[in-house]
Amino acid sequence: MVRAVAKVRKQIDPGLRKQKAQKRLEAESRNANAKARHEKEKRVHELETKIAALEGQQKELVAALEDPAAYRSGGRAIAVNRDLSALSHDLARLTAEWESVTATVSAP
């Protein structure tokens, strides 16, 4: 009787092992996907923070250009305009990256 039970276990065990291995692979896959999604969400947050800071700086520079004193002597308007142009370029680049990463996060 003991031998018969041991024989049945040996026959059942390979099926259980395969099932456990399959479940382990599925869990590892889910964990890897969750980790990748978390990294992307983290990057989205970082980009949003940088974009918000740049938008704040952009408002300040636009306000500086609206001040008539910037156009008096010393060429301050040229420097402010140069800074605004560089900032706009950085803002466009970060916004494009944000759109790209956001699209991959929300994709199924």
PDB file of N, CA and C in Angstrom:
ATOM      1  N   MET A   1       0.812  -1.193   0.000  1.00  0.00           N
ATOM      2  CA  MET A   1       0.000   0.000   0.000  1.00  0.00           C
ATOM      3  C   MET A   1       0.861   1.266   0.000  1.00  0.00           C
ATOM      4  N   VAL A   2       1.904   1.294   0.850  1.00  0.00           N
ATOM      5  CA  VAL A   2       2.796   2.436   0.921  1.00  0.00           C
ATOM      6  C   VAL A   2       3.501   2.637  -0.410  1.00  0.00           C
ATOM      7  N   ARG A   3       3.892   1.555  -1.032  1.00  0.00           N
ATOM      8  CA  ARG A   3       4.550   1.643  -2.336  1.00  0.00           C
ATOM      9  C   ARG A   3       3.597   2.192  -3.388  1.00  0.00           C
ATOM     10  N   ALA A   4       2.372   1.817  -3.332  1.00  0.00           N
ATOM     11  CA  ALA A   4       1.381   2.305  -4.300  1.00  0.00           C
ATOM     12  C   ALA A   4       1.172   3.807  -4.143  1.00  0.00           C
ATOM     13  N   VAL A   5       1.123   4.284  -2.891  1.00  0.00           N
ATOM     14  CA  VAL A   5       0.949   5.725  -2.642  1.00  0.00           C
ATOM     15  C   VAL A   5       2.176   6.476  -3.140  1.00  0.00           C
ATOM     16  N   ALA A   6       3.355   5.939  -2.875  1.00  0.00           N
ATOM     17  CA  ALA A   6       4.590   6.576  -3.333  1.00  0.00           C
ATOM     18  C   ALA A   6       4.633   6.614  -4.853  1.00  0.00           C
ATOM     19  N   LYS A   7       4.175   5.571  -5.489  1.00  0.00           N
ATOM     20  CA  LYS A   7       4.161   5.523  -6.948  1.00  0.00           C
ATOM     21  C   LYS A   7       3.190   6.566  -7.520  1.00  0.00           C
ATOM     22  N   VAL A   8       2.027   6.700  -6.890  1.00  0.00           N
ATOM     23  CA  VAL A   8       1.039   7.697  -7.337  1.00  0.00           C
ATOM     24  C   VAL A   8       1.594   9.101  -7.151  1.00  0.00           C
ATOM     25  N   ARG A   9       2.254   9.339  -6.014  1.00  0.00           N
ATOM     26  CA  ARG A   9       2.853  10.665  -5.770  1.00  0.00           C
ATOM     27  C   ARG A   9       3.877  11.005  -6.849  1.00  0.00           C
ATOM     28  N   LYS A  10       4.691  10.029  -7.209  1.00  0.00           N
ATOM     29  CA  LYS A  10       5.695  10.278  -8.240  1.00  0.00           C
ATOM     30  C   LYS A  10       5.035  10.625  -9.566  1.00  0.00           C
ATOM     31  N   GLN A  11       3.895  10.033  -9.834  1.00  0.00           N
ATOM     32  CA  GLN A  11       3.183  10.330 -11.077  1.00  0.00           C
ATOM     33  C   GLN A  11       2.521  11.706 -11.020  1.00  0.00           C
ATOM     34  N   ILE A  12       2.027  12.089  -9.855  1.00  0.00           N
ATOM     35  CA  ILE A  12       1.349  13.379  -9.697  1.00  0.00           C
ATOM     36  C   ILE A  12       2.359  14.516  -9.591  1.00  0.00           C
ATOM     37  N   ASP A  13       3.459  14.296  -8.905  1.00  0.00           N
ATOM     38  CA  ASP A  13       4.446  15.336  -8.655  1.00  0.00           C
ATOM     39  C   ASP A  13       4.937  16.054  -9.901  1.00  0.00           C
ATOM     40  N   PRO A  14       5.251  15.363 -10.994  1.00  0.00           N
ATOM     41  CA  PRO A  14       5.706  16.103 -12.180  1.00  0.00           C
ATOM     42  C   PRO A  14       4.667  17.121 -12.653  1.00  0.00           C
ATOM     43  N   GLY A  15       3.395  16.777 -12.586  1.00  0.00           N
ATOM     44  CA  GLY A  15       2.355  17.715 -12.985  1.00  0.00           C
ATOM     45  C   GLY A  15       2.284  18.892 -12.033  1.00  0.00           C
ATOM     46  N   LEU A  16       2.424  18.631 -10.751  1.00  0.00           N
ATOM     47  CA  LEU A  16       2.411  19.708  -9.759  1.00  0.00           C
ATOM     48  C   LEU A  16       3.638  20.598  -9.902  1.00  0.00           C
ATOM     49  N   ARG A  17       4.759  19.977 -10.163  1.00  0.00           N
ATOM     50  CA  ARG A  17       5.992  20.753 -10.347  1.00  0.00           C
ATOM     51  C   ARG A  17       5.869  21.694 -11.535  1.00  0.00           C
ATOM     52  N   LYS A  18       5.318  21.184 -12.618  1.00  0.00           N
ATOM     53  CA  LYS A  18       5.133  22.024 -13.801  1.00  0.00           C
ATOM     54  C   LYS A  18       4.181  23.171 -13.501  1.00  0.00           C
ATOM     55  N   GLN A  19       3.118  22.861 -12.772  1.00  0.00           N
ATOM     56  CA  GLN A  19       2.131  23.885 -12.431  1.00  0.00           C
ATOM     57  C   GLN A  19       2.750  24.941 -11.514  1.00  0.00           C
ATOM     58  N   LYS A  20       3.518  24.505 -10.522  1.00  0.00           N
ATOM     59  CA  LYS A  20       4.186  25.452  -9.627  1.00  0.00           C
ATOM     60  C   LYS A  20       5.202  26.289 -10.385  1.00  0.00           C
ATOM     61  N   ALA A  21       5.937  25.663 -11.269  1.00  0.00           N
ATOM     62  CA  ALA A  21       6.932  26.393 -12.061  1.00  0.00           C
ATOM     63  C   ALA A  21       6.244  27.428 -12.946  1.00  0.00           C
ATOM     64  N   GLN A  22       5.121  27.050 -13.531  1.00  0.00           N
ATOM     65  CA  GLN A  22       4.373  27.980 -14.379  1.00  0.00           C
ATOM     66  C   GLN A  22       3.867  29.167 -13.558  1.00  0.00           C
ATOM     67  N   LYS A  23       3.332  28.884 -12.376  1.00  0.00           N
ATOM     68  CA  LYS A  23       2.841  29.961 -11.506  1.00  0.00           C
ATOM     69  C   LYS A  23       3.980  30.870 -11.074  1.00  0.00           C
ATOM     70  N   ARG A  24       5.140  30.284 -10.794  1.00  0.00           N
ATOM     71  CA  ARG A  24       6.304  31.077 -10.403  1.00  0.00           C
ATOM     72  C   ARG A  24       6.740  31.992 -11.548  1.00  0.00           C
ATOM     73  N   LEU A  25       6.750  31.471 -12.762  1.00  0.00           N
ATOM     74  CA  LEU A  25       7.101  32.280 -13.933  1.00  0.00           C
ATOM     75  C   LEU A  25       6.099  33.414 -14.141  1.00  0.00           C
ATOM     76  N   GLU A  26       4.826  33.109 -13.956  1.00  0.00           N
ATOM     77  CA  GLU A  26       3.802  34.143 -14.102  1.00  0.00           C
ATOM     78  C   GLU A  26       3.962  35.229 -13.045  1.00  0.00           C
ATOM     79  N   ALA A  27       4.263  34.835 -11.821  1.00  0.00           N
ATOM     80  CA  ALA A  27       4.464  35.807 -10.739  1.00  0.00           C
ATOM     81  C   ALA A  27       5.691  36.671 -11.014  1.00  0.00           C
ATOM     82  N   GLU A  28       6.760  36.058 -11.488  1.00  0.00           N
ATOM     83  CA  GLU A  28       7.969  36.820 -11.816  1.00  0.00           C
ATOM     84  C   GLU A  28       7.687  37.812 -12.935  1.00  0.00           C
ATOM     85  N   SER A  29       6.908  37.406 -13.903  1.00  0.00           N
ATOM     86  CA  SER A  29       6.546  38.291 -15.005  1.00  0.00           C
ATOM     87  C   SER A  29       5.712  39.471 -14.502  1.00  0.00           C
ATOM     88  N   ARG A  30       4.734  39.186 -13.637  1.00  0.00           N
ATOM     89  CA  ARG A  30       3.911  40.258 -13.069  1.00  0.00           C
ATOM     90  C   ARG A  30       4.770  41.224 -12.262  1.00  0.00           C
ATOM     91  N   ASN A  31       5.700  40.681 -11.484  1.00  0.00           N
ATOM     92  CA  ASN A  31       6.581  41.528 -10.679  1.00  0.00           C
ATOM     93  C   ASN A  31       7.470  42.406 -11.560  1.00  0.00           C
ATOM     94  N   ALA A  32       7.986  41.838 -12.630  1.00  0.00           N
ATOM     95  CA  ALA A  32       8.832  42.614 -13.547  1.00  0.00           C
ATOM     96  C   ALA A  32       8.021  43.720 -14.217  1.00  0.00           C
ATOM     97  N   ASN A  33       6.792  43.399 -14.625  1.00  0.00           N
ATOM     98  CA  ASN A  33       5.929  44.417 -15.239  1.00  0.00           C
ATOM     99  C   ASN A  33       5.589  45.516 -14.248  1.00  0.00           C
ATOM    100  N   ALA A  34       5.307  45.147 -13.008  1.00  0.00           N
ATOM    101  CA  ALA A  34       4.977  46.137 -11.982  1.00  0.00           C
ATOM    102  C   ALA A  34       6.174  47.035 -11.696  1.00  0.00           C
ATOM    103  N   LYS A  35       7.360  46.457 -11.672  1.00  0.00           N
ATOM    104  CA  LYS A  35       8.572  47.243 -11.418  1.00  0.00           C
ATOM    105  C   LYS A  35       8.814  48.226 -12.565  1.00  0.00           C
ATOM    106  N   ALA A  36       8.649  47.764 -13.787  1.00  0.00           N
ATOM    107  CA  ALA A  36       8.844  48.641 -14.947  1.00  0.00           C
ATOM    108  C   ALA A  36       7.811  49.767 -14.939  1.00  0.00           C
ATOM    109  N   ARG A  37       6.576  49.433 -14.603  1.00  0.00           N
ATOM    110  CA  ARG A  37       5.521  50.453 -14.539  1.00  0.00           C
ATOM    111  C   ARG A  37       5.837  51.472 -13.448  1.00  0.00           C
ATOM    112  N   HIS A  38       6.311  51.004 -12.307  1.00  0.00           N
ATOM    113  CA  HIS A  38       6.666  51.905 -11.211  1.00  0.00           C
ATOM    114  C   HIS A  38       7.778  52.865 -11.638  1.00  0.00           C
ATOM    115  N   GLU A  39       8.775  52.343 -12.332  1.00  0.00           N
ATOM    116  CA  GLU A  39       9.879  53.187 -12.804  1.00  0.00           C
ATOM    117  C   GLU A  39       9.367  54.257 -13.772  1.00  0.00           C
ATOM    118  N   LYS A  40       8.458  53.866 -14.655  1.00  0.00           N
ATOM    119  CA  LYS A  40       7.896  54.830 -15.607  1.00  0.00           C
ATOM    120  C   LYS A  40       7.068  55.886 -14.880  1.00  0.00           C
ATOM    121  N   GLU A  41       6.281  55.458 -13.896  1.00  0.00           N
ATOM    122  CA  GLU A  41       5.477  56.410 -13.132  1.00  0.00           C
ATOM    123  C   GLU A  41       6.375  57.377 -12.360  1.00  0.00           C
ATOM    124  N   LYS A  42       7.474  56.863 -11.850  1.00  0.00           N
ATOM    125  CA  LYS A  42       8.447  57.704 -11.142  1.00  0.00           C
ATOM    126  C   LYS A  42       9.032  58.744 -12.107  1.00  0.00           C
ATOM    127  N   ARG A  43       9.363  58.317 -13.309  1.00  0.00           N
ATOM    128  CA  ARG A  43       9.923  59.237 -14.311  1.00  0.00           C
ATOM    129  C   ARG A  43       8.889  60.293 -14.699  1.00  0.00           C
ATOM    130  N   VAL A  44       7.620  59.898 -14.833  1.00  0.00           N
ATOM    131  CA  VAL A  44       6.556  60.856 -15.153  1.00  0.00           C
ATOM    132  C   VAL A  44       6.495  61.917 -14.070  1.00  0.00           C
ATOM    133  N   HIS A  45       6.563  61.495 -12.818  1.00  0.00           N
ATOM    134  CA  HIS A  45       6.503  62.450 -11.708  1.00  0.00           C
ATOM    135  C   HIS A  45       7.703  63.409 -11.744  1.00  0.00           C
ATOM    136  N   GLU A  46       8.892  62.866 -12.000  1.00  0.00           N
ATOM    137  CA  GLU A  46      10.091  63.704 -12.097  1.00  0.00           C
ATOM    138  C   GLU A  46       9.945  64.733 -13.217  1.00  0.00           C
ATOM    139  N   LEU A  47       9.455  64.283 -14.354  1.00  0.00           N
ATOM    140  CA  LEU A  47       9.278  65.188 -15.490  1.00  0.00           C
ATOM    141  C   LEU A  47       8.239  66.263 -15.175  1.00  0.00           C
ATOM    142  N   GLU A  48       7.152  65.881 -14.529  1.00  0.00           N
ATOM    143  CA  GLU A  48       6.123  66.859 -14.175  1.00  0.00           C
ATOM    144  C   GLU A  48       6.674  67.920 -13.229  1.00  0.00           C
ATOM    145  N   THR A  49       7.516  67.504 -12.294  1.00  0.00           N
ATOM    146  CA  THR A  49       8.129  68.445 -11.363  1.00  0.00           C
ATOM    147  C   THR A  49       9.048  69.420 -12.104  1.00  0.00           C
ATOM    148  N   LYS A  50       9.877  68.886 -13.007  1.00  0.00           N
ATOM    149  CA  LYS A  50      10.794  69.743 -13.777  1.00  0.00           C
ATOM    150  C   LYS A  50      10.018  70.693 -14.687  1.00  0.00           C
ATOM    151  N   ILE A  51       8.975  70.191 -15.321  1.00  0.00           N
ATOM    152  CA  ILE A  51       8.173  71.019 -16.227  1.00  0.00           C
ATOM    153  C   ILE A  51       7.506  72.146 -15.454  1.00  0.00           C
ATOM    154  N   ALA A  52       6.978  71.836 -14.284  1.00  0.00           N
ATOM    155  CA  ALA A  52       6.328  72.872 -13.465  1.00  0.00           C
ATOM    156  C   ALA A  52       7.327  73.954 -13.065  1.00  0.00           C
ATOM    157  N   ALA A  53       8.543  73.541 -12.717  1.00  0.00           N
ATOM    158  CA  ALA A  53       9.571  74.518 -12.349  1.00  0.00           C
ATOM    159  C   ALA A  53       9.939  75.398 -13.542  1.00  0.00           C
ATOM    160  N   LEU A  54      10.100  74.784 -14.707  1.00  0.00           N
ATOM    161  CA  LEU A  54      10.430  75.554 -15.903  1.00  0.00           C
ATOM    162  C   LEU A  54       9.300  76.511 -16.292  1.00  0.00           C
ATOM    163  N   GLU A  55       8.061  76.067 -16.126  1.00  0.00           N
ATOM    164  CA  GLU A  55       6.928  76.943 -16.436  1.00  0.00           C
ATOM    165  C   GLU A  55       6.909  78.146 -15.499  1.00  0.00           C
ATOM    166  N   GLY A  56       7.282  77.929 -14.241  1.00  0.00           N
ATOM    167  CA  GLY A  56       7.385  79.044 -13.294  1.00  0.00           C
ATOM    168  C   GLY A  56       8.459  80.032 -13.720  1.00  0.00           C
ATOM    169  N   GLN A  57       9.607  79.509 -14.135  1.00  0.00           N
ATOM    170  CA  GLN A  57      10.695  80.371 -14.618  1.00  0.00           C
ATOM    171  C   GLN A  57      10.274  81.106 -15.886  1.00  0.00           C
ATOM    172  N   GLN A  58       9.535  80.413 -16.735  1.00  0.00           N
ATOM    173  CA  GLN A  58       9.065  81.026 -17.978  1.00  0.00           C
ATOM    174  C   GLN A  58       8.167  82.227 -17.684  1.00  0.00           C
ATOM    175  N   LYS A  59       7.275  82.090 -16.729  1.00  0.00           N
ATOM    176  CA  LYS A  59       6.396  83.200 -16.344  1.00  0.00           C
ATOM    177  C   LYS A  59       7.200  84.390 -15.834  1.00  0.00           C
ATOM    178  N   GLU A  60       8.234  84.090 -15.054  1.00  0.00           N
ATOM    179  CA  GLU A  60       9.091  85.159 -14.530  1.00  0.00           C
ATOM    180  C   GLU A  60       9.811  85.885 -15.662  1.00  0.00           C
ATOM    181  N   LEU A  61      10.321  85.136 -16.615  1.00  0.00           N
ATOM    182  CA  LEU A  61      11.043  85.762 -17.733  1.00  0.00           C
ATOM    183  C   LEU A  61      10.092  86.573 -18.619  1.00  0.00           C
ATOM    184  N   VAL A  62       8.896  86.062 -18.843  1.00  0.00           N
ATOM    185  CA  VAL A  62       7.914  86.811 -19.635  1.00  0.00           C
ATOM    186  C   VAL A  62       7.556  88.099 -18.917  1.00  0.00           C
ATOM    187  N   ALA A  63       7.390  88.017 -17.598  1.00  0.00           N
ATOM    188  CA  ALA A  63       7.095  89.226 -16.821  1.00  0.00           C
ATOM    189  C   ALA A  63       8.252  90.219 -16.908  1.00  0.00           C
ATOM    190  N   ALA A  64       9.480  89.708 -16.906  1.00  0.00           N
ATOM    191  CA  ALA A  64      10.646  90.597 -17.019  1.00  0.00           C
ATOM    192  C   ALA A  64      10.652  91.279 -18.376  1.00  0.00           C
ATOM    193  N   LEU A  65      10.256  90.576 -19.427  1.00  0.00           N
ATOM    194  CA  LEU A  65      10.207  91.183 -20.758  1.00  0.00           C
ATOM    195  C   LEU A  65       9.075  92.210 -20.872  1.00  0.00           C
ATOM    196  N   GLU A  66       8.048  92.054 -20.077  1.00  0.00           N
ATOM    197  CA  GLU A  66       6.938  93.003 -20.099  1.00  0.00           C
ATOM    198  C   GLU A  66       7.265  94.287 -19.349  1.00  0.00           C
ATOM    199  N   ASP A  67       8.316  94.264 -18.566  1.00  0.00           N
ATOM    200  CA  ASP A  67       8.721  95.448 -17.813  1.00  0.00           C
ATOM    201  C   ASP A  67       9.461  96.406 -18.747  1.00  0.00           C
ATOM    202  N   PRO A  68       8.968  97.644 -18.872  1.00  0.00           N
ATOM    203  CA  PRO A  68       9.631  98.614 -19.756  1.00  0.00           C
ATOM    204  C   PRO A  68      11.083  98.888 -19.379  1.00  0.00           C
ATOM    205  N   ALA A  69      11.422  98.684 -18.131  1.00  0.00           N
ATOM    206  CA  ALA A  69      12.798  98.935 -17.694  1.00  0.00           C
ATOM    207  C   ALA A  69      13.781  97.985 -18.372  1.00  0.00           C
ATOM    208  N   ALA A  70      13.319  96.827 -18.799  1.00  0.00           N
ATOM    209  CA  ALA A  70      14.198  95.854 -19.450  1.00  0.00           C
ATOM    210  C   ALA A  70      14.701  96.364 -20.789  1.00  0.00           C
ATOM    211  N   TYR A  71      14.008  97.343 -21.373  1.00  0.00           N
ATOM    212  CA  TYR A  71      14.369  97.830 -22.700  1.00  0.00           C
ATOM    213  C   TYR A  71      15.181  99.117 -22.650  1.00  0.00           C
ATOM    214  N   ARG A  72      15.496  99.549 -21.478  1.00  0.00           N
ATOM    215  CA  ARG A  72      16.351 100.735 -21.364  1.00  0.00           C
ATOM    216  C   ARG A  72      17.782 100.320 -21.620  1.00  0.00           C
ATOM    217  N   SER A  73      18.703 101.035 -21.134  1.00  0.00           N
ATOM    218  CA  SER A  73      20.111 100.745 -21.416  1.00  0.00           C
ATOM    219  C   SER A  73      20.558  99.434 -20.769  1.00  0.00           C
ATOM    220  N   GLY A  74      21.605  98.879 -21.282  1.00  0.00           N
ATOM    221  CA  GLY A  74      22.216  97.697 -20.710  1.00  0.00           C
ATOM    222  C   GLY A  74      21.877  96.397 -21.424  1.00  0.00           C
ATOM    223  N   GLY A  75      20.897  96.383 -22.290  1.00  0.00           N
ATOM    224  CA  GLY A  75      20.590  95.187 -23.058  1.00  0.00           C
ATOM    225  C   GLY A  75      20.029  94.036 -22.235  1.00  0.00           C
ATOM    226  N   ARG A  76      19.372  94.323 -21.140  1.00  0.00           N
ATOM    227  CA  ARG A  76      18.783  93.266 -20.298  1.00  0.00           C
ATOM    228  C   ARG A  76      17.730  92.468 -21.062  1.00  0.00           C
ATOM    229  N   ALA A  77      16.988  93.103 -21.925  1.00  0.00           N
ATOM    230  CA  ALA A  77      15.936  92.421 -22.680  1.00  0.00           C
ATOM    231  C   ALA A  77      16.530  91.323 -23.576  1.00  0.00           C
ATOM    232  N   ILE A  78      17.683  91.570 -24.146  1.00  0.00           N
ATOM    233  CA  ILE A  78      18.309  90.571 -25.012  1.00  0.00           C
ATOM    234  C   ILE A  78      18.694  89.334 -24.200  1.00  0.00           C
ATOM    235  N   ALA A  79      19.275  89.542 -23.041  1.00  0.00           N
ATOM    236  CA  ALA A  79      19.676  88.423 -22.190  1.00  0.00           C
ATOM    237  C   ALA A  79      18.447  87.641 -21.706  1.00  0.00           C
ATOM    238  N   VAL A  80      17.412  88.364 -21.312  1.00  0.00           N
ATOM    239  CA  VAL A  80      16.189  87.707 -20.841  1.00  0.00           C
ATOM    240  C   VAL A  80      15.564  86.913 -21.985  1.00  0.00           C
ATOM    241  N   ASN A  81      15.550  87.488 -23.161  1.00  0.00           N
ATOM    242  CA  ASN A  81      14.978  86.806 -24.323  1.00  0.00           C
ATOM    243  C   ASN A  81      15.787  85.555 -24.678  1.00  0.00           C
ATOM    244  N   ARG A  82      17.084  85.626 -24.558  1.00  0.00           N
ATOM    245  CA  ARG A  82      17.955  84.474 -24.817  1.00  0.00           C
ATOM    246  C   ARG A  82      17.656  83.360 -23.800  1.00  0.00           C
ATOM    247  N   ASP A  83      17.535  83.754 -22.524  1.00  0.00           N
ATOM    248  CA  ASP A  83      17.202  82.782 -21.482  1.00  0.00           C
ATOM    249  C   ASP A  83      15.828  82.157 -21.727  1.00  0.00           C
ATOM    250  N   LEU A  84      14.889  82.974 -22.142  1.00  0.00           N
ATOM    251  CA  LEU A  84      13.536  82.490 -22.416  1.00  0.00           C
ATOM    252  C   LEU A  84      13.536  81.496 -23.578  1.00  0.00           C
ATOM    253  N   SER A  85      14.329  81.778 -24.583  1.00  0.00           N
ATOM    254  CA  SER A  85      14.423  80.883 -25.729  1.00  0.00           C
ATOM    255  C   SER A  85      15.004  79.532 -25.324  1.00  0.00           C
ATOM    256  N   ALA A  86      16.079  79.539 -24.544  1.00  0.00           N
ATOM    257  CA  ALA A  86      16.694  78.289 -24.081  1.00  0.00           C
ATOM    258  C   ALA A  86      15.730  77.512 -23.193  1.00  0.00           C
ATOM    259  N   LEU A  87      15.038  78.218 -22.325  1.00  0.00           N
ATOM    260  CA  LEU A  87      14.085  77.585 -21.433  1.00  0.00           C
ATOM    261  C   LEU A  87      12.934  76.965 -22.223  1.00  0.00           C
ATOM    262  N   SER A  88      12.463  77.660 -23.236  1.00  0.00           N
ATOM    263  CA  SER A  88      11.379  77.139 -24.071  1.00  0.00           C
ATOM    264  C   SER A  88      11.806  75.859 -24.783  1.00  0.00           C
ATOM    265  N   HIS A  89      13.052  75.826 -25.221  1.00  0.00           N
ATOM    266  CA  HIS A  89      13.586  74.622 -25.865  1.00  0.00           C
ATOM    267  C   HIS A  89      13.600  73.453 -24.874  1.00  0.00           C
ATOM    268  N   ASP A  90      14.110  73.696 -23.658  1.00  0.00           N
ATOM    269  CA  ASP A  90      14.138  72.649 -22.632  1.00  0.00           C
ATOM    270  C   ASP A  90      12.729  72.189 -22.276  1.00  0.00           C
ATOM    271  N   LEU A  91      11.815  73.134 -22.184  1.00  0.00           N
ATOM    272  CA  LEU A  91      10.433  72.821 -21.849  1.00  0.00           C
ATOM    273  C   LEU A  91       9.791  71.951 -22.931  1.00  0.00           C
ATOM    274  N   ALA A  92      10.055  72.263 -24.166  1.00  0.00           N
ATOM    275  CA  ALA A  92       9.508  71.469 -25.272  1.00  0.00           C
ATOM    276  C   ALA A  92      10.074  70.048 -25.259  1.00  0.00           C
ATOM    277  N   ARG A  93      11.367  69.932 -24.985  1.00  0.00           N
ATOM    278  CA  ARG A  93      12.011  68.613 -24.940  1.00  0.00           C
ATOM    279  C   ARG A  93      11.442  67.771 -23.804  1.00  0.00           C
ATOM    280  N   LEU A  94      11.316  68.364 -22.621  1.00  0.00           N
ATOM    281  CA  LEU A  94      10.783  67.632 -21.474  1.00  0.00           C
ATOM    282  C   LEU A  94       9.312  67.270 -21.664  1.00  0.00           C
ATOM    283  N   THR A  95       8.567  68.165 -22.279  1.00  0.00           N
ATOM    284  CA  THR A  95       7.157  67.887 -22.528  1.00  0.00           C
ATOM    285  C   THR A  95       7.001  66.721 -23.502  1.00  0.00           C
ATOM    286  N   ALA A  96       7.830  66.683 -24.526  1.00  0.00           N
ATOM    287  CA  ALA A  96       7.790  65.569 -25.479  1.00  0.00           C
ATOM    288  C   ALA A  96       8.140  64.257 -24.789  1.00  0.00           C
ATOM    289  N   GLU A  97       9.152  64.287 -23.925  1.00  0.00           N
ATOM    290  CA  GLU A  97       9.520  63.072 -23.191  1.00  0.00           C
ATOM    291  C   GLU A  97       8.379  62.657 -22.255  1.00  0.00           C
ATOM    292  N   TRP A  98       7.761  63.642 -21.586  1.00  0.00           N
ATOM    293  CA  TRP A  98       6.640  63.354 -20.690  1.00  0.00           C
ATOM    294  C   TRP A  98       5.498  62.678 -21.451  1.00  0.00           C
ATOM    295  N   GLU A  99       5.186  63.203 -22.641  1.00  0.00           N
ATOM    296  CA  GLU A  99       4.108  62.611 -23.453  1.00  0.00           C
ATOM    297  C   GLU A  99       4.443  61.178 -23.835  1.00  0.00           C
ATOM    298  N   SER A 100       5.678  60.940 -24.190  1.00  0.00           N
ATOM    299  CA  SER A 100       6.117  59.600 -24.581  1.00  0.00           C
ATOM    300  C   SER A 100       6.032  58.615 -23.411  1.00  0.00           C
ATOM    301  N   VAL A 101       6.566  59.015 -22.266  1.00  0.00           N
ATOM    302  CA  VAL A 101       6.553  58.125 -21.108  1.00  0.00           C
ATOM    303  C   VAL A 101       5.132  57.909 -20.608  1.00  0.00           C
ATOM    304  N   THR A 102       4.326  58.958 -20.614  1.00  0.00           N
ATOM    305  CA  THR A 102       2.932  58.833 -20.166  1.00  0.00           C
ATOM    306  C   THR A 102       2.162  57.869 -21.055  1.00  0.00           C
ATOM    307  N   ALA A 103       2.427  57.911 -22.339  1.00  0.00           N
ATOM    308  CA  ALA A 103       1.747  57.003 -23.269  1.00  0.00           C
ATOM    309  C   ALA A 103       2.109  55.547 -22.975  1.00  0.00           C
ATOM    310  N   THR A 104       3.339  55.286 -22.594  1.00  0.00           N
ATOM    311  CA  THR A 104       3.737  53.907 -22.301  1.00  0.00           C
ATOM    312  C   THR A 104       3.194  53.436 -20.952  1.00  0.00           C
ATOM    313  N   VAL A 105       3.007  54.362 -20.020  1.00  0.00           N
ATOM    314  CA  VAL A 105       2.455  53.994 -18.705  1.00  0.00           C
ATOM    315  C   VAL A 105       0.991  53.632 -18.846  1.00  0.00           C
ATOM    316  N   SER A 106       0.255  54.400 -19.635  1.00  0.00           N
ATOM    317  CA  SER A 106      -1.184  54.162 -19.746  1.00  0.00           C
ATOM    318  C   SER A 106      -1.521  53.085 -20.777  1.00  0.00           C
ATOM    319  N   ALA A 107      -0.526  52.628 -21.524  1.00  0.00           N
ATOM    320  CA  ALA A 107      -0.766  51.559 -22.506  1.00  0.00           C
ATOM    321  C   ALA A 107      -1.012  50.241 -21.754  1.00  0.00           C
ATOM    322  N   PRO A 108      -1.885  49.390 -22.280  1.00  0.00           N
ATOM    323  CA  PRO A 108      -2.189  48.117 -21.601  1.00  0.00           C
ATOM    324  C   PRO A 108      -1.023  47.166 -21.592  1.00  0.00           C
TER     325      PRO A 108
END
